Amino acid sequence: MDVVEPPWDGCGKSLVGLRQLSRIKAATMSLERQWQDVLTAAVAIGGHIIC
């Protein structure tokens, strides 16, 4: 099995991104949109996402 996310490395910039499924705001906050927001936030601080 290939691991997409790097393991925790103690760098202080390892982040866990969460997404929330909502039936009310599905059009504006899709899971894909939320994931892009998570990645954008990680890149903005020079961090990376871990599992």
C-alpha atoms as a PDB file:
ATOM      1  CA  MET A   1       0.000   0.000   0.000  1.00  0.00           C
ATOM      2  CA  ASP A   2       1.363   3.412  -0.980  1.00  0.00           C
ATOM      3  CA  VAL A   3       1.195   6.181   1.617  1.00  0.00           C
ATOM      4  CA  VAL A   4       0.300   9.565   0.127  1.00  0.00           C
ATOM      5  CA  GLU A   5       0.844  11.638   3.251  1.00  0.00           C
ATOM      6  CA  PRO A   6       4.257  11.700   4.935  1.00  0.00           C
ATOM      7  CA  PRO A   7       4.444  10.316   8.481  1.00  0.00           C
ATOM      8  CA  TRP A   8       4.752  12.617  11.484  1.00  0.00           C
ATOM      9  CA  ASP A   9       8.325  13.880  11.554  1.00  0.00           C
ATOM     10  CA  GLY A  10       8.423  16.225  14.562  1.00  0.00           C
ATOM     11  CA  CYS A  11       8.902  19.340  12.424  1.00  0.00           C
ATOM     12  CA  GLY A  12       6.174  21.281  14.221  1.00  0.00           C
ATOM     13  CA  LYS A  13       4.249  21.860  11.000  1.00  0.00           C
ATOM     14  CA  SER A  14       2.501  18.505  10.661  1.00  0.00           C
ATOM     15  CA  LEU A  15      -1.240  19.103  10.354  1.00  0.00           C
ATOM     16  CA  VAL A  16      -4.358  16.944  10.369  1.00  0.00           C
ATOM     17  CA  GLY A  17      -7.035  18.268   7.995  1.00  0.00           C
ATOM     18  CA  LEU A  18     -10.698  17.578   8.682  1.00  0.00           C
ATOM     19  CA  ARG A  19     -13.701  17.791   6.402  1.00  0.00           C
ATOM     20  CA  GLN A  20     -17.364  17.855   7.365  1.00  0.00           C
ATOM     21  CA  LEU A  21     -20.231  16.565   5.268  1.00  0.00           C
ATOM     22  CA  SER A  22     -23.235  18.895   5.333  1.00  0.00           C
ATOM     23  CA  ARG A  23     -26.515  18.393   3.506  1.00  0.00           C
ATOM     24  CA  ILE A  24     -27.435  22.046   3.961  1.00  0.00           C
ATOM     25  CA  LYS A  25     -24.378  23.697   2.383  1.00  0.00           C
ATOM     26  CA  ALA A  26     -23.318  20.974  -0.036  1.00  0.00           C
ATOM     27  CA  ALA A  27     -23.117  23.364  -2.987  1.00  0.00           C
ATOM     28  CA  THR A  28     -20.735  25.812  -1.320  1.00  0.00           C
ATOM     29  CA  MET A  29     -18.713  23.532   0.943  1.00  0.00           C
ATOM     30  CA  SER A  30     -18.259  20.269  -0.971  1.00  0.00           C
ATOM     31  CA  LEU A  31     -15.730  17.776   0.333  1.00  0.00           C
ATOM     32  CA  GLU A  32     -13.448  18.649  -2.573  1.00  0.00           C
ATOM     33  CA  ARG A  33     -13.671  22.374  -1.774  1.00  0.00           C
ATOM     34  CA  GLN A  34     -12.974  21.706   1.893  1.00  0.00           C
ATOM     35  CA  TRP A  35      -9.943  19.564   0.998  1.00  0.00           C
ATOM     36  CA  GLN A  36      -8.583  22.349  -1.210  1.00  0.00           C
ATOM     37  CA  ASP A  37      -9.023  24.778   1.705  1.00  0.00           C
ATOM     38  CA  VAL A  38      -7.098  22.395   3.980  1.00  0.00           C
ATOM     39  CA  LEU A  39      -4.254  22.075   1.466  1.00  0.00           C
ATOM     40  CA  THR A  40      -4.152  25.839   0.889  1.00  0.00           C
ATOM     41  CA  ALA A  41      -3.886  26.478   4.638  1.00  0.00           C
ATOM     42  CA  ALA A  42      -1.072  23.911   4.995  1.00  0.00           C
ATOM     43  CA  VAL A  43       0.892  25.408   2.113  1.00  0.00           C
ATOM     44  CA  ALA A  44       0.413  28.939   3.501  1.00  0.00           C
ATOM     45  CA  ILE A  45       2.381  28.040   6.644  1.00  0.00           C
ATOM     46  CA  GLY A  46       4.839  25.676   4.970  1.00  0.00           C
ATOM     47  CA  GLY A  47       3.267  22.647   6.641  1.00  0.00           C
ATOM     48  CA  HIS A  48       2.134  19.254   5.449  1.00  0.00           C
ATOM     49  CA  ILE A  49      -0.839  16.957   6.071  1.00  0.00           C
ATOM     50  CA  ILE A  50      -0.410  13.709   8.010  1.00  0.00           C
ATOM     51  CA  CYS A  51      -2.779  10.782   8.567  1.00  0.00           C
END
